[in-house]
Amino acid sequence: MIGPARVARAALGDEWLEHLQSRVGIADARRRYSQRTVDMYRQRLHAHVLDRLGSRRVDQLAVEDVRLLVERLTRRGLAPSSVSSCVNILSGLLRYALKRKVVAHNVVRDLDRDDRPGAARLTEPRYLTAAELDRLFAEMTDTFRPVAMACAYTGLRVSEALGLRWRDVDLDADTLDVTGQLGNAGERLATTKTQASAATVRVLPALRRELKAHRSRQAARNIALVGPDALVFTTTSGKPQSRRNALRAIHAAGDAAGLNGEGVERVGMHDLRHSLVAIALEQGLTAPEVALLARHANARVTMTVYAGLTRDGREQAAGKLTEGGFGA
């Protein structure tokens, strides 16, 4: 017979998180979890899920408890996508409980579609033109401009850019190797978001010039900062930069460049990756070619996630229709 301690929400939740933690970095991509995903599950499970389920044990939960969870999180002001994530996390916990024979059924599966939170973005991604990117970079300091340019000109995610070591950068061959990323606690993880994310990418001339200047500045400060195992982007004391500070720098630069305003989502770090893909599509690269740039497993993912274009691209596309007589 399973004791109450095993059925208690917090105890079972911690056991599930330990199970997920054991899969971080394993070779099997299908079963592997990233450290960031596990950290996010841990934070949301304890901050938004377990404490919102009342005093019920896991084996006593009913679909009505899940409906109340959705309502409580919505009243707290969480975005629909965050509420949906919390429901999915609860479902993952219950799937684990089902395998361990702690519960007989995953009650999340009984939730009607109408009761499920929407997962759509509240705002559209930003797709900057090449000229807008130049304006953005012009407003940035030496600290985070190289980070932003690395994301914009290679499609790196900010965690991947901040996880670069100098041994990963070959400015003679104009390449850099994506072999890891920076974790939430500032530690470098030797794993990437997906198997396809680990790749060698091309360094464009503008980025090569920026990285050379950045390396010279780092070497002048302390030669150890450009050692093979040193992170490319660090604070003045050599510690890893944070995603939060990088985002603050992008927000401030976007404000100064006149790219942000009322009713417009502020430019963020991930919008630089969006912009690279949109510009590549505008310039006539095929979907498989753009998928290689974005390091997606296949072109279908690229076209699903990055279906948008920059404002100039949309205007050009509409112009081509009218030039061809459509809608005249």
C-alpha atoms as a PDB file:
ATOM      1  CA  MET A   1       0.000   0.000   0.000  1.00  0.00           C
ATOM      2  CA  ILE A   2       1.315   3.436  -0.936  1.00  0.00           C
ATOM      3  CA  GLY A   3       1.757   5.690   2.084  1.00  0.00           C
ATOM      4  CA  PRO A   4       0.510   9.295   2.331  1.00  0.00           C
ATOM      5  CA  ALA A   5       4.052  10.657   2.035  1.00  0.00           C
ATOM      6  CA  ARG A   6       4.343   9.170  -1.461  1.00  0.00           C
ATOM      7  CA  VAL A   7       1.019  10.672  -2.481  1.00  0.00           C
ATOM      8  CA  ALA A   8       1.705  14.128  -1.040  1.00  0.00           C
ATOM      9  CA  ARG A   9       1.918  16.675  -3.807  1.00  0.00           C
ATOM     10  CA  ALA A  10       5.235  18.261  -2.818  1.00  0.00           C
ATOM     11  CA  ALA A  11       7.000  14.949  -2.178  1.00  0.00           C
ATOM     12  CA  LEU A  12       5.858  13.467  -5.469  1.00  0.00           C
ATOM     13  CA  GLY A  13       6.688  16.690  -7.282  1.00  0.00           C
ATOM     14  CA  ASP A  14      10.255  16.645  -5.974  1.00  0.00           C
ATOM     15  CA  GLU A  15      10.583  12.979  -6.944  1.00  0.00           C
ATOM     16  CA  TRP A  16       9.388  13.796 -10.488  1.00  0.00           C
ATOM     17  CA  LEU A  17      11.825  16.701 -10.774  1.00  0.00           C
ATOM     18  CA  GLU A  18      14.685  14.456  -9.667  1.00  0.00           C
ATOM     19  CA  HIS A  19      13.626  12.010 -12.384  1.00  0.00           C
ATOM     20  CA  LEU A  20      13.735  14.792 -15.004  1.00  0.00           C
ATOM     21  CA  GLN A  21      17.053  16.052 -13.643  1.00  0.00           C
ATOM     22  CA  SER A  22      18.568  12.618 -14.218  1.00  0.00           C
ATOM     23  CA  ARG A  23      17.807  13.013 -17.936  1.00  0.00           C
ATOM     24  CA  VAL A  24      19.625  16.317 -18.364  1.00  0.00           C
ATOM     25  CA  GLY A  25      22.442  15.906 -20.857  1.00  0.00           C
ATOM     26  CA  ILE A  26      21.903  12.208 -21.650  1.00  0.00           C
ATOM     27  CA  ALA A  27      22.768  10.999 -25.151  1.00  0.00           C
ATOM     28  CA  ASP A  28      19.241   9.932 -26.118  1.00  0.00           C
ATOM     29  CA  ALA A  29      17.747  13.095 -27.635  1.00  0.00           C
ATOM     30  CA  ARG A  30      14.195  11.743 -27.381  1.00  0.00           C
ATOM     31  CA  ARG A  31      14.418  11.297 -23.605  1.00  0.00           C
ATOM     32  CA  ARG A  32      16.792  14.181 -22.873  1.00  0.00           C
ATOM     33  CA  TYR A  33      15.736  17.341 -21.015  1.00  0.00           C
ATOM     34  CA  SER A  34      17.615  20.631 -20.945  1.00  0.00           C
ATOM     35  CA  GLN A  35      18.610  22.154 -17.619  1.00  0.00           C
ATOM     36  CA  ARG A  36      16.596  25.253 -18.470  1.00  0.00           C
ATOM     37  CA  THR A  37      13.441  23.188 -18.991  1.00  0.00           C
ATOM     38  CA  VAL A  38      13.858  21.382 -15.674  1.00  0.00           C
ATOM     39  CA  ASP A  39      14.524  24.673 -13.888  1.00  0.00           C
ATOM     40  CA  MET A  40      11.397  26.187 -15.448  1.00  0.00           C
ATOM     41  CA  TYR A  41       9.309  23.153 -14.446  1.00  0.00           C
ATOM     42  CA  ARG A  42      10.630  23.390 -10.892  1.00  0.00           C
ATOM     43  CA  GLN A  43       9.866  27.100 -10.588  1.00  0.00           C
ATOM     44  CA  ARG A  44       6.347  26.883 -12.012  1.00  0.00           C
ATOM     45  CA  LEU A  45       5.458  23.670 -10.206  1.00  0.00           C
ATOM     46  CA  HIS A  46       6.239  25.167  -6.796  1.00  0.00           C
ATOM     47  CA  ALA A  47       5.194  28.775  -7.506  1.00  0.00           C
ATOM     48  CA  HIS A  48       1.977  28.234  -9.451  1.00  0.00           C
ATOM     49  CA  VAL A  49       0.773  24.620  -9.362  1.00  0.00           C
ATOM     50  CA  LEU A  50       1.234  22.803  -6.071  1.00  0.00           C
ATOM     51  CA  ASP A  51       0.181  25.711  -3.880  1.00  0.00           C
ATOM     52  CA  ARG A  52      -2.957  26.304  -5.976  1.00  0.00           C
ATOM     53  CA  LEU A  53      -4.407  22.827  -5.625  1.00  0.00           C
ATOM     54  CA  GLY A  54      -5.670  23.252  -2.079  1.00  0.00           C
ATOM     55  CA  SER A  55      -5.081  20.490   0.459  1.00  0.00           C
ATOM     56  CA  ARG A  56      -5.887  17.543  -1.826  1.00  0.00           C
ATOM     57  CA  ARG A  57      -3.418  14.731  -2.284  1.00  0.00           C
ATOM     58  CA  VAL A  58      -2.459  13.779  -5.816  1.00  0.00           C
ATOM     59  CA  ASP A  59      -4.594  10.649  -5.782  1.00  0.00           C
ATOM     60  CA  GLN A  60      -7.620  12.749  -4.751  1.00  0.00           C
ATOM     61  CA  LEU A  61      -7.452  15.275  -7.595  1.00  0.00           C
ATOM     62  CA  ALA A  62     -10.439  15.623  -9.917  1.00  0.00           C
ATOM     63  CA  VAL A  63     -10.930  17.496 -13.169  1.00  0.00           C
ATOM     64  CA  GLU A  64     -12.703  20.247 -11.223  1.00  0.00           C
ATOM     65  CA  ASP A  65      -9.451  20.922  -9.371  1.00  0.00           C
ATOM     66  CA  VAL A  66      -7.734  21.487 -12.702  1.00  0.00           C
ATOM     67  CA  ARG A  67     -10.485  23.904 -13.794  1.00  0.00           C
ATOM     68  CA  LEU A  68     -10.041  25.837 -10.540  1.00  0.00           C
ATOM     69  CA  LEU A  69      -6.284  25.902 -11.099  1.00  0.00           C
ATOM     70  CA  VAL A  70      -6.810  27.508 -14.508  1.00  0.00           C
ATOM     71  CA  GLU A  71      -9.194  30.086 -13.033  1.00  0.00           C
ATOM     72  CA  ARG A  72      -6.878  30.951 -10.126  1.00  0.00           C
ATOM     73  CA  LEU A  73      -3.836  31.393 -12.359  1.00  0.00           C
ATOM     74  CA  THR A  74      -5.832  33.495 -14.798  1.00  0.00           C
ATOM     75  CA  ARG A  75      -7.031  35.748 -11.977  1.00  0.00           C
ATOM     76  CA  ARG A  76      -3.418  36.171 -10.883  1.00  0.00           C
ATOM     77  CA  GLY A  77      -2.756  37.761 -14.260  1.00  0.00           C
ATOM     78  CA  LEU A  78      -0.632  35.026 -15.825  1.00  0.00           C
ATOM     79  CA  ALA A  79      -0.519  35.054 -19.617  1.00  0.00           C
ATOM     80  CA  PRO A  80      -2.545  32.304 -21.342  1.00  0.00           C
ATOM     81  CA  SER A  81       0.655  30.642 -22.531  1.00  0.00           C
ATOM     82  CA  SER A  82       1.977  30.540 -18.946  1.00  0.00           C
ATOM     83  CA  VAL A  83      -1.289  29.094 -17.640  1.00  0.00           C
ATOM     84  CA  SER A  84      -1.193  26.475 -20.397  1.00  0.00           C
ATOM     85  CA  SER A  85       2.398  25.655 -19.432  1.00  0.00           C
ATOM     86  CA  CYS A  86       1.369  25.150 -15.795  1.00  0.00           C
ATOM     87  CA  VAL A  87      -1.448  22.795 -16.836  1.00  0.00           C
ATOM     88  CA  ASN A  88       1.003  20.831 -18.987  1.00  0.00           C
ATOM     89  CA  ILE A  89       3.426  20.597 -16.081  1.00  0.00           C
ATOM     90  CA  LEU A  90       0.671  19.228 -13.849  1.00  0.00           C
ATOM     91  CA  SER A  91      -0.160  16.724 -16.579  1.00  0.00           C
ATOM     92  CA  GLY A  92       3.494  15.660 -16.714  1.00  0.00           C
ATOM     93  CA  LEU A  93       3.512  15.140 -12.959  1.00  0.00           C
ATOM     94  CA  LEU A  94       0.351  13.035 -13.173  1.00  0.00           C
ATOM     95  CA  ARG A  95       1.762  10.952 -16.037  1.00  0.00           C
ATOM     96  CA  TYR A  96       4.723  10.198 -13.789  1.00  0.00           C
ATOM     97  CA  ALA A  97       2.352   9.360 -10.924  1.00  0.00           C
ATOM     98  CA  LEU A  98       0.405   7.069 -13.240  1.00  0.00           C
ATOM     99  CA  LYS A  99       3.568   5.148 -14.168  1.00  0.00           C
ATOM    100  CA  ARG A 100       4.407   4.813 -10.486  1.00  0.00           C
ATOM    101  CA  LYS A 101       0.857   3.568  -9.797  1.00  0.00           C
ATOM    102  CA  VAL A 102       0.249   6.462  -7.416  1.00  0.00           C
ATOM    103  CA  VAL A 103      -2.877   7.497  -9.335  1.00  0.00           C
ATOM    104  CA  ALA A 104      -5.241   5.523 -11.520  1.00  0.00           C
ATOM    105  CA  HIS A 105      -5.908   8.273 -14.059  1.00  0.00           C
ATOM    106  CA  ASN A 106      -4.472  11.565 -15.367  1.00  0.00           C
ATOM    107  CA  VAL A 107      -7.375  13.942 -14.684  1.00  0.00           C
ATOM    108  CA  VAL A 108      -5.892  16.693 -16.848  1.00  0.00           C
ATOM    109  CA  ARG A 109      -6.915  14.620 -19.863  1.00  0.00           C
ATOM    110  CA  ASP A 110     -10.555  15.049 -18.804  1.00  0.00           C
ATOM    111  CA  LEU A 111     -10.375  18.833 -19.106  1.00  0.00           C
ATOM    112  CA  ASP A 112     -12.711  20.053 -21.848  1.00  0.00           C
ATOM    113  CA  ARG A 113     -11.167  21.985 -24.705  1.00  0.00           C
ATOM    114  CA  ASP A 114     -13.283  25.015 -23.793  1.00  0.00           C
ATOM    115  CA  ASP A 115     -11.791  24.999 -20.284  1.00  0.00           C
ATOM    116  CA  ARG A 116      -8.205  24.848 -21.482  1.00  0.00           C
ATOM    117  CA  PRO A 117      -6.220  28.101 -21.573  1.00  0.00           C
ATOM    118  CA  GLY A 118      -5.184  29.468 -24.928  1.00  0.00           C
ATOM    119  CA  ALA A 119      -1.494  29.269 -25.723  1.00  0.00           C
ATOM    120  CA  ALA A 120      -1.331  31.940 -28.401  1.00  0.00           C
ATOM    121  CA  ARG A 121       1.160  34.759 -28.056  1.00  0.00           C
ATOM    122  CA  LEU A 122      -0.267  37.980 -26.711  1.00  0.00           C
ATOM    123  CA  THR A 123       1.993  39.933 -29.050  1.00  0.00           C
ATOM    124  CA  GLU A 124       3.576  39.216 -32.407  1.00  0.00           C
ATOM    125  CA  PRO A 125       7.351  38.777 -32.696  1.00  0.00           C
ATOM    126  CA  ARG A 126       9.296  41.770 -33.961  1.00  0.00           C
ATOM    127  CA  TYR A 127      10.945  41.421 -37.369  1.00  0.00           C
ATOM    128  CA  LEU A 128      13.502  44.185 -37.847  1.00  0.00           C
ATOM    129  CA  THR A 129      14.851  45.296 -41.210  1.00  0.00           C
ATOM    130  CA  ALA A 130      18.587  45.477 -41.836  1.00  0.00           C
ATOM    131  CA  ALA A 131      18.392  49.266 -41.457  1.00  0.00           C
ATOM    132  CA  GLU A 132      16.553  48.945 -38.138  1.00  0.00           C
ATOM    133  CA  LEU A 133      19.190  46.511 -36.875  1.00  0.00           C
ATOM    134  CA  ASP A 134      21.891  49.063 -37.742  1.00  0.00           C
ATOM    135  CA  ARG A 135      19.992  51.719 -35.769  1.00  0.00           C
ATOM    136  CA  LEU A 136      19.690  49.350 -32.823  1.00  0.00           C
ATOM    137  CA  PHE A 137      23.401  48.448 -32.799  1.00  0.00           C
ATOM    138  CA  ALA A 138      24.373  52.124 -33.042  1.00  0.00           C
ATOM    139  CA  GLU A 139      22.684  52.745 -29.681  1.00  0.00           C
ATOM    140  CA  MET A 140      24.461  49.902 -27.879  1.00  0.00           C
ATOM    141  CA  THR A 141      27.688  49.967 -25.902  1.00  0.00           C
ATOM    142  CA  ASP A 142      30.732  47.747 -26.368  1.00  0.00           C
ATOM    143  CA  THR A 143      29.415  45.440 -23.636  1.00  0.00           C
ATOM    144  CA  PHE A 144      26.298  44.064 -25.306  1.00  0.00           C
ATOM    145  CA  ARG A 145      26.551  45.183 -28.948  1.00  0.00           C
ATOM    146  CA  PRO A 146      28.744  42.128 -29.782  1.00  0.00           C
ATOM    147  CA  VAL A 147      26.172  39.858 -28.109  1.00  0.00           C
ATOM    148  CA  ALA A 148      23.310  41.386 -30.088  1.00  0.00           C
ATOM    149  CA  MET A 149      25.239  41.188 -33.358  1.00  0.00           C
ATOM    150  CA  ALA A 150      26.096  37.537 -32.703  1.00  0.00           C
ATOM    151  CA  CYS A 151      22.373  36.782 -32.346  1.00  0.00           C
ATOM    152  CA  ALA A 152      21.315  38.887 -35.333  1.00  0.00           C
ATOM    153  CA  TYR A 153      23.965  37.720 -37.790  1.00  0.00           C
ATOM    154  CA  THR A 154      24.083  34.022 -36.906  1.00  0.00           C
ATOM    155  CA  GLY A 155      20.634  33.312 -35.436  1.00  0.00           C
ATOM    156  CA  LEU A 156      22.089  32.251 -32.095  1.00  0.00           C
ATOM    157  CA  ARG A 157      19.758  32.223 -29.134  1.00  0.00           C
ATOM    158  CA  VAL A 158      20.976  34.550 -26.403  1.00  0.00           C
ATOM    159  CA  SER A 159      21.803  31.604 -24.116  1.00  0.00           C
ATOM    160  CA  GLU A 160      23.931  30.122 -26.918  1.00  0.00           C
ATOM    161  CA  ALA A 161      25.722  33.426 -27.536  1.00  0.00           C
ATOM    162  CA  LEU A 162      26.452  33.888 -23.827  1.00  0.00           C
ATOM    163  CA  GLY A 163      27.714  30.295 -23.664  1.00  0.00           C
ATOM    164  CA  LEU A 164      30.325  30.765 -26.408  1.00  0.00           C
ATOM    165  CA  ARG A 165      33.961  30.179 -25.471  1.00  0.00           C
ATOM    166  CA  TRP A 166      36.880  31.581 -27.439  1.00  0.00           C
ATOM    167  CA  ARG A 167      37.793  28.020 -28.464  1.00  0.00           C
ATOM    168  CA  ASP A 168      34.419  27.921 -30.254  1.00  0.00           C
ATOM    169  CA  VAL A 169      35.253  30.975 -32.381  1.00  0.00           C
ATOM    170  CA  ASP A 170      37.546  30.739 -35.441  1.00  0.00           C
ATOM    171  CA  LEU A 171      37.862  34.180 -36.991  1.00  0.00           C
ATOM    172  CA  ASP A 172      40.368  32.922 -39.562  1.00  0.00           C
ATOM    173  CA  ALA A 173      37.884  30.382 -40.925  1.00  0.00           C
ATOM    174  CA  ASP A 174      34.913  32.711 -40.230  1.00  0.00           C
ATOM    175  CA  THR A 175      33.055  30.072 -38.221  1.00  0.00           C
ATOM    176  CA  LEU A 176      31.842  29.482 -34.712  1.00  0.00           C
ATOM    177  CA  ASP A 177      30.748  26.234 -33.110  1.00  0.00           C
ATOM    178  CA  VAL A 178      27.547  26.067 -31.088  1.00  0.00           C
ATOM    179  CA  THR A 179      28.295  23.386 -28.503  1.00  0.00           C
ATOM    180  CA  GLY A 180      26.451  24.561 -25.408  1.00  0.00           C
ATOM    181  CA  GLN A 181      24.610  27.386 -23.711  1.00  0.00           C
ATOM    182  CA  LEU A 182      24.568  29.425 -20.533  1.00  0.00           C
ATOM    183  CA  GLY A 183      22.253  28.086 -17.829  1.00  0.00           C
ATOM    184  CA  ASN A 184      19.930  30.061 -15.571  1.00  0.00           C
ATOM    185  CA  ALA A 185      22.477  30.089 -12.750  1.00  0.00           C
ATOM    186  CA  GLY A 186      25.273  31.410 -14.980  1.00  0.00           C
ATOM    187  CA  GLU A 187      26.892  28.014 -15.488  1.00  0.00           C
ATOM    188  CA  ARG A 188      27.926  26.844 -18.947  1.00  0.00           C
ATOM    189  CA  LEU A 189      25.987  23.764 -20.051  1.00  0.00           C
ATOM    190  CA  ALA A 190      27.547  21.398 -22.564  1.00  0.00           C
ATOM    191  CA  THR A 191      24.135  20.730 -24.120  1.00  0.00           C
ATOM    192  CA  THR A 192      22.038  22.660 -26.634  1.00  0.00           C
ATOM    193  CA  LYS A 193      18.286  23.197 -26.885  1.00  0.00           C
ATOM    194  CA  THR A 194      17.908  20.475 -29.524  1.00  0.00           C
ATOM    195  CA  GLN A 195      20.220  18.078 -31.309  1.00  0.00           C
ATOM    196  CA  ALA A 196      19.996  20.232 -34.452  1.00  0.00           C
ATOM    197  CA  SER A 197      21.048  23.318 -32.472  1.00  0.00           C
ATOM    198  CA  ALA A 198      24.596  22.003 -32.124  1.00  0.00           C
ATOM    199  CA  ALA A 199      26.294  23.091 -35.339  1.00  0.00           C
ATOM    200  CA  THR A 200      29.042  25.132 -36.959  1.00  0.00           C
ATOM    201  CA  VAL A 201      27.731  28.447 -38.271  1.00  0.00           C
ATOM    202  CA  ARG A 202      29.195  31.058 -40.589  1.00  0.00           C
ATOM    203  CA  VAL A 203      30.510  34.357 -39.227  1.00  0.00           C
ATOM    204  CA  LEU A 204      29.489  37.228 -41.501  1.00  0.00           C
ATOM    205  CA  PRO A 205      32.004  40.045 -42.147  1.00  0.00           C
ATOM    206  CA  ALA A 206      30.276  42.595 -39.881  1.00  0.00           C
ATOM    207  CA  LEU A 207      30.284  40.131 -36.994  1.00  0.00           C
ATOM    208  CA  ARG A 208      33.916  39.174 -37.657  1.00  0.00           C
ATOM    209  CA  ARG A 209      34.952  42.832 -37.345  1.00  0.00           C
ATOM    210  CA  GLU A 210      32.925  43.223 -34.151  1.00  0.00           C
ATOM    211  CA  LEU A 211      34.339  40.074 -32.543  1.00  0.00           C
ATOM    212  CA  LYS A 212      37.909  41.022 -33.424  1.00  0.00           C
ATOM    213  CA  ALA A 213      37.460  44.423 -31.788  1.00  0.00           C
ATOM    214  CA  HIS A 214      35.784  42.775 -28.779  1.00  0.00           C
ATOM    215  CA  ARG A 215      38.646  40.285 -28.415  1.00  0.00           C
ATOM    216  CA  SER A 216      41.201  43.117 -28.512  1.00  0.00           C
ATOM    217  CA  ARG A 217      39.335  44.964 -25.770  1.00  0.00           C
ATOM    218  CA  GLN A 218      39.157  41.830 -23.636  1.00  0.00           C
ATOM    219  CA  ALA A 219      42.859  41.060 -24.104  1.00  0.00           C
ATOM    220  CA  ALA A 220      43.803  44.624 -23.148  1.00  0.00           C
ATOM    221  CA  ARG A 221      41.812  44.228 -19.948  1.00  0.00           C
ATOM    222  CA  ASN A 222      43.230  40.807 -19.017  1.00  0.00           C
ATOM    223  CA  ILE A 223      44.866  38.281 -21.340  1.00  0.00           C
ATOM    224  CA  ALA A 224      43.132  35.469 -19.418  1.00  0.00           C
ATOM    225  CA  LEU A 225      39.785  36.742 -20.723  1.00  0.00           C
ATOM    226  CA  VAL A 226      40.648  35.504 -24.222  1.00  0.00           C
ATOM    227  CA  GLY A 227      41.945  32.075 -23.227  1.00  0.00           C
ATOM    228  CA  PRO A 228      40.476  29.055 -25.070  1.00  0.00           C
ATOM    229  CA  ASP A 229      38.130  28.115 -22.224  1.00  0.00           C
ATOM    230  CA  ALA A 230      37.141  31.688 -21.348  1.00  0.00           C
ATOM    231  CA  LEU A 231      33.637  32.802 -22.212  1.00  0.00           C
ATOM    232  CA  VAL A 232      33.518  35.272 -25.084  1.00  0.00           C
ATOM    233  CA  PHE A 233      31.084  37.582 -23.289  1.00  0.00           C
ATOM    234  CA  THR A 234      31.844  38.380 -19.657  1.00  0.00           C
ATOM    235  CA  THR A 235      31.575  41.149 -17.123  1.00  0.00           C
ATOM    236  CA  THR A 236      34.607  43.328 -16.367  1.00  0.00           C
ATOM    237  CA  SER A 237      35.531  40.878 -13.613  1.00  0.00           C
ATOM    238  CA  GLY A 238      35.355  37.905 -15.971  1.00  0.00           C
ATOM    239  CA  LYS A 239      32.051  36.508 -14.737  1.00  0.00           C
ATOM    240  CA  PRO A 240      29.362  35.319 -17.203  1.00  0.00           C
ATOM    241  CA  GLN A 241      26.980  37.937 -18.516  1.00  0.00           C
ATOM    242  CA  SER A 242      23.295  37.441 -17.693  1.00  0.00           C
ATOM    243  CA  ARG A 243      20.353  37.190 -20.072  1.00  0.00           C
ATOM    244  CA  ARG A 244      18.516  39.718 -17.906  1.00  0.00           C
ATOM    245  CA  ASN A 245      21.198  42.374 -18.418  1.00  0.00           C
ATOM    246  CA  ALA A 246      21.352  41.601 -22.132  1.00  0.00           C
ATOM    247  CA  LEU A 247      17.598  42.097 -22.389  1.00  0.00           C
ATOM    248  CA  ARG A 248      17.808  45.386 -20.479  1.00  0.00           C
ATOM    249  CA  ALA A 249      20.487  46.594 -22.910  1.00  0.00           C
ATOM    250  CA  ILE A 250      18.330  45.681 -25.922  1.00  0.00           C
ATOM    251  CA  HIS A 251      15.285  47.400 -24.443  1.00  0.00           C
ATOM    252  CA  ALA A 252      17.272  50.572 -23.755  1.00  0.00           C
ATOM    253  CA  ALA A 253      18.795  50.572 -27.247  1.00  0.00           C
ATOM    254  CA  GLY A 254      15.410  49.972 -28.848  1.00  0.00           C
ATOM    255  CA  ASP A 255      13.992  52.922 -26.938  1.00  0.00           C
ATOM    256  CA  ALA A 256      16.897  55.167 -27.952  1.00  0.00           C
ATOM    257  CA  ALA A 257      16.654  54.083 -31.598  1.00  0.00           C
ATOM    258  CA  GLY A 258      12.939  54.888 -31.730  1.00  0.00           C
ATOM    259  CA  LEU A 259      12.018  51.255 -32.398  1.00  0.00           C
ATOM    260  CA  ASN A 260       9.770  50.932 -29.357  1.00  0.00           C
ATOM    261  CA  GLY A 261       6.640  52.858 -28.606  1.00  0.00           C
ATOM    262  CA  GLU A 262       3.051  52.743 -27.446  1.00  0.00           C
ATOM    263  CA  GLY A 263       1.214  49.664 -28.697  1.00  0.00           C
ATOM    264  CA  VAL A 264       4.433  48.024 -29.932  1.00  0.00           C
ATOM    265  CA  GLU A 265       6.193  45.170 -28.178  1.00  0.00           C
ATOM    266  CA  ARG A 266       9.689  46.257 -27.166  1.00  0.00           C
ATOM    267  CA  VAL A 267      12.453  44.691 -29.197  1.00  0.00           C
ATOM    268  CA  GLY A 268      13.866  41.682 -27.355  1.00  0.00           C
ATOM    269  CA  MET A 269      16.911  39.460 -27.792  1.00  0.00           C
ATOM    270  CA  HIS A 270      14.991  36.659 -29.488  1.00  0.00           C
ATOM    271  CA  ASP A 271      13.622  39.140 -32.037  1.00  0.00           C
ATOM    272  CA  LEU A 272      17.134  39.338 -33.467  1.00  0.00           C
ATOM    273  CA  ARG A 273      16.913  35.660 -34.382  1.00  0.00           C
ATOM    274  CA  HIS A 274      13.442  36.236 -35.819  1.00  0.00           C
ATOM    275  CA  SER A 275      14.803  39.072 -37.919  1.00  0.00           C
ATOM    276  CA  LEU A 276      17.627  37.015 -39.432  1.00  0.00           C
ATOM    277  CA  VAL A 277      15.174  34.388 -40.636  1.00  0.00           C
ATOM    278  CA  ALA A 278      12.726  36.965 -42.014  1.00  0.00           C
ATOM    279  CA  ILE A 279      15.482  38.830 -43.873  1.00  0.00           C
ATOM    280  CA  ALA A 280      16.829  35.574 -45.282  1.00  0.00           C
ATOM    281  CA  LEU A 281      13.388  34.647 -46.607  1.00  0.00           C
ATOM    282  CA  GLU A 282      12.993  38.115 -48.148  1.00  0.00           C
ATOM    283  CA  GLN A 283      16.323  37.778 -49.912  1.00  0.00           C
ATOM    284  CA  GLY A 284      15.178  34.621 -51.621  1.00  0.00           C
ATOM    285  CA  LEU A 285      16.755  31.843 -49.573  1.00  0.00           C
ATOM    286  CA  THR A 286      14.782  28.631 -49.760  1.00  0.00           C
ATOM    287  CA  ALA A 287      13.036  27.149 -46.740  1.00  0.00           C
ATOM    288  CA  PRO A 288      15.657  24.358 -46.381  1.00  0.00           C
ATOM    289  CA  GLU A 289      18.458  26.954 -46.546  1.00  0.00           C
ATOM    290  CA  VAL A 290      16.790  29.093 -43.889  1.00  0.00           C
ATOM    291  CA  ALA A 291      16.242  25.986 -41.757  1.00  0.00           C
ATOM    292  CA  LEU A 292      20.007  25.421 -41.840  1.00  0.00           C
ATOM    293  CA  LEU A 293      20.597  29.036 -40.748  1.00  0.00           C
ATOM    294  CA  ALA A 294      18.124  28.683 -37.880  1.00  0.00           C
ATOM    295  CA  ARG A 295      19.476  25.201 -37.033  1.00  0.00           C
ATOM    296  CA  HIS A 296      16.052  23.631 -37.174  1.00  0.00           C
ATOM    297  CA  ALA A 297      15.671  19.906 -37.713  1.00  0.00           C
ATOM    298  CA  ASN A 298      13.598  20.502 -40.840  1.00  0.00           C
ATOM    299  CA  ALA A 299      12.150  23.299 -42.964  1.00  0.00           C
ATOM    300  CA  ARG A 300       8.607  22.647 -41.712  1.00  0.00           C
ATOM    301  CA  VAL A 301       9.599  23.870 -38.260  1.00  0.00           C
ATOM    302  CA  THR A 302      11.103  26.997 -39.783  1.00  0.00           C
ATOM    303  CA  MET A 303       8.047  27.881 -41.819  1.00  0.00           C
ATOM    304  CA  THR A 304       5.729  27.197 -38.873  1.00  0.00           C
ATOM    305  CA  VAL A 305       7.653  29.203 -36.289  1.00  0.00           C
ATOM    306  CA  TYR A 306       8.959  31.963 -38.533  1.00  0.00           C
ATOM    307  CA  ALA A 307       6.057  32.640 -40.835  1.00  0.00           C
ATOM    308  CA  GLY A 308       6.308  36.417 -40.383  1.00  0.00           C
ATOM    309  CA  LEU A 309       8.199  38.963 -42.444  1.00  0.00           C
ATOM    310  CA  THR A 310       9.594  42.376 -41.704  1.00  0.00           C
ATOM    311  CA  ARG A 311       7.302  45.315 -42.367  1.00  0.00           C
ATOM    312  CA  ASP A 312       9.231  46.166 -45.559  1.00  0.00           C
ATOM    313  CA  GLY A 313       8.938  42.558 -46.694  1.00  0.00           C
ATOM    314  CA  ARG A 314       5.178  42.542 -46.257  1.00  0.00           C
ATOM    315  CA  GLU A 315       4.903  45.745 -48.267  1.00  0.00           C
ATOM    316  CA  GLN A 316       7.097  44.307 -51.017  1.00  0.00           C
ATOM    317  CA  ALA A 317       5.018  41.127 -51.111  1.00  0.00           C
ATOM    318  CA  ALA A 318       1.797  43.116 -51.429  1.00  0.00           C
ATOM    319  CA  GLY A 319       3.386  45.224 -54.167  1.00  0.00           C
ATOM    320  CA  LYS A 320       4.272  42.138 -56.170  1.00  0.00           C
ATOM    321  CA  LEU A 321       0.616  41.050 -56.058  1.00  0.00           C
ATOM    322  CA  THR A 322      -0.663  44.363 -57.407  1.00  0.00           C
ATOM    323  CA  GLU A 323       2.050  44.490 -60.043  1.00  0.00           C
ATOM    324  CA  GLY A 324       0.826  41.129 -61.242  1.00  0.00           C
ATOM    325  CA  GLY A 325      -2.730  42.431 -61.511  1.00  0.00           C
ATOM    326  CA  PHE A 326      -4.115  40.685 -58.446  1.00  0.00           C
ATOM    327  CA  GLY A 327      -6.713  42.825 -56.666  1.00  0.00           C
ATOM    328  CA  ALA A 328      -6.298  45.711 -59.130  1.00  0.00           C
END
